[in-house]
Protein backbone atom coordinates (compact mmCIF):
# COMPACT_ATOMS: atom_id res chain seq x y z
CA ASP A 1 -10.93 4.33 -20.23
CA LYS A 2 -7.22 5.22 -20.24
CA ARG A 3 -7.80 9.00 -20.31
CA ASP A 4 -10.05 8.79 -17.22
CA ALA A 5 -7.37 6.83 -15.33
CA GLU A 6 -4.70 9.36 -16.30
CA ALA A 7 -6.91 12.29 -15.21
CA LEU A 8 -7.62 10.59 -11.88
CA ALA A 9 -3.91 9.89 -11.31
CA ALA A 10 -3.03 13.52 -12.12
CA ALA A 11 -5.56 14.77 -9.56
CA ILE A 12 -4.02 12.79 -6.67
CA PRO A 13 -1.63 14.95 -4.60
CA LYS A 14 1.94 13.73 -4.94
CA LYS A 15 3.89 12.84 -1.80
CA LYS A 16 7.58 13.63 -1.52
CA ASP A 17 9.56 10.94 -3.28
CA PHE A 18 11.67 9.29 -0.58
CA ARG A 19 14.31 8.43 -3.16
CA ASN A 20 15.25 12.12 -3.28
CA THR A 21 17.14 12.15 0.00
CA ARG A 22 20.30 14.06 0.80
CA MET A 23 21.79 11.23 2.87
CA SER A 24 22.16 7.61 1.83
CA GLY A 25 21.09 4.75 4.06
CA SER A 26 24.74 3.82 4.69
CA GLU A 27 25.58 7.41 5.73
CA VAL A 28 22.63 7.42 8.12
CA LEU A 29 23.66 4.07 9.61
CA ALA A 30 27.27 5.25 10.08
CA LYS A 31 26.04 8.41 11.83
CA ALA A 32 23.67 6.45 14.11
CA LEU A 33 26.40 3.93 15.02
CA ALA A 34 28.77 6.80 15.87
CA VAL A 35 26.12 8.38 18.15
CA ALA A 36 25.47 5.03 19.88
CA LYS A 37 29.21 4.51 20.41
CA ARG A 38 29.66 8.06 21.72
CA ASN A 39 26.78 7.43 24.17
CA GLY A 40 28.52 4.27 25.42
CA ASP A 41 25.97 1.81 24.05
CA ASP A 42 27.33 -1.75 23.71
CA LEU A 43 25.65 -3.00 20.55
CA SER A 44 26.98 -6.57 20.83
CA GLY A 45 23.69 -7.67 22.45
CA TYR A 46 21.55 -6.06 19.75
CA GLY A 47 20.28 -7.43 16.45
CA GLU A 48 20.71 -5.79 13.06
CA PRO A 49 19.51 -2.18 13.14
CA GLN A 50 16.26 -1.41 11.37
CA ILE A 51 16.18 1.74 9.24
CA SER A 52 13.11 3.64 8.15
CA LEU A 53 12.43 7.02 6.57
CA GLN A 54 9.45 9.17 7.47
CA GLU A 55 8.16 12.63 6.77
CA ARG A 56 7.75 14.63 9.98
CA ASP A 57 6.51 18.23 9.95
CA GLY A 58 7.50 18.57 6.29
CA ARG A 59 11.03 17.22 6.88
CA LEU A 60 12.47 13.82 6.03
CA VAL A 61 13.78 12.00 9.09
CA TRP A 62 15.59 8.69 9.14
CA PHE A 63 15.03 6.40 12.13
CA VAL A 64 17.58 3.74 13.06
CA SER A 65 16.21 1.35 15.69
CA PHE A 66 18.29 -1.07 17.75
CA TYR A 67 16.59 -4.01 19.54
CA GLN A 68 18.21 -6.27 22.14
CA VAL A 69 18.28 -9.98 21.34
CA PRO A 70 16.39 -11.63 22.86
CA VAL A 71 13.80 -8.87 22.92
CA VAL A 72 13.06 -7.56 26.41
CA PRO A 73 10.70 -4.76 27.52
CA GLY A 74 12.51 -1.44 27.09
CA GLY A 75 15.43 -3.20 25.40
CA PHE A 76 15.59 -0.91 22.41
CA PHE A 77 16.43 2.62 21.39
CA THR A 78 16.09 4.65 18.22
CA ILE A 79 18.27 7.35 16.76
CA GLY A 80 16.57 9.90 14.51
CA VAL A 81 18.66 11.58 11.82
CA ASP A 82 17.32 14.66 10.03
CA ASP A 83 17.98 14.13 6.31
CA ALA A 84 18.63 17.81 5.54
CA SER A 85 20.76 18.81 8.54
CA GLY A 86 22.17 15.48 9.76
CA GLN A 87 21.11 16.46 13.31
CA THR A 88 20.52 13.43 15.52
CA THR A 89 18.06 12.74 18.33
CA VAL A 90 18.17 9.71 20.61
CA TYR A 91 14.86 8.12 21.64
CA PRO A 92 15.42 5.69 24.55
CA GLY A 93 13.31 2.57 24.95
CA MET A 94 10.46 2.69 27.41
């Protein structure tokens, strides 16, 4: 019955709504591109960056991943951008 479904839905813990971010996807991408450029990365041999948003230790963190084309082992790197602070971390490919 409808009331049972509503009660069940109300009992499920709510995850943080990823639409409530401080930074937009375009702001994150601009920041990641600036970090890559500052680090001397030539992105001409890379495909379109892939952007994801994850919750890590209670914080929202954007991840912008760059993959060489064609794909080669270790031919990628990811730049993490903390949504609240804008702090960046570079994760090199392995």
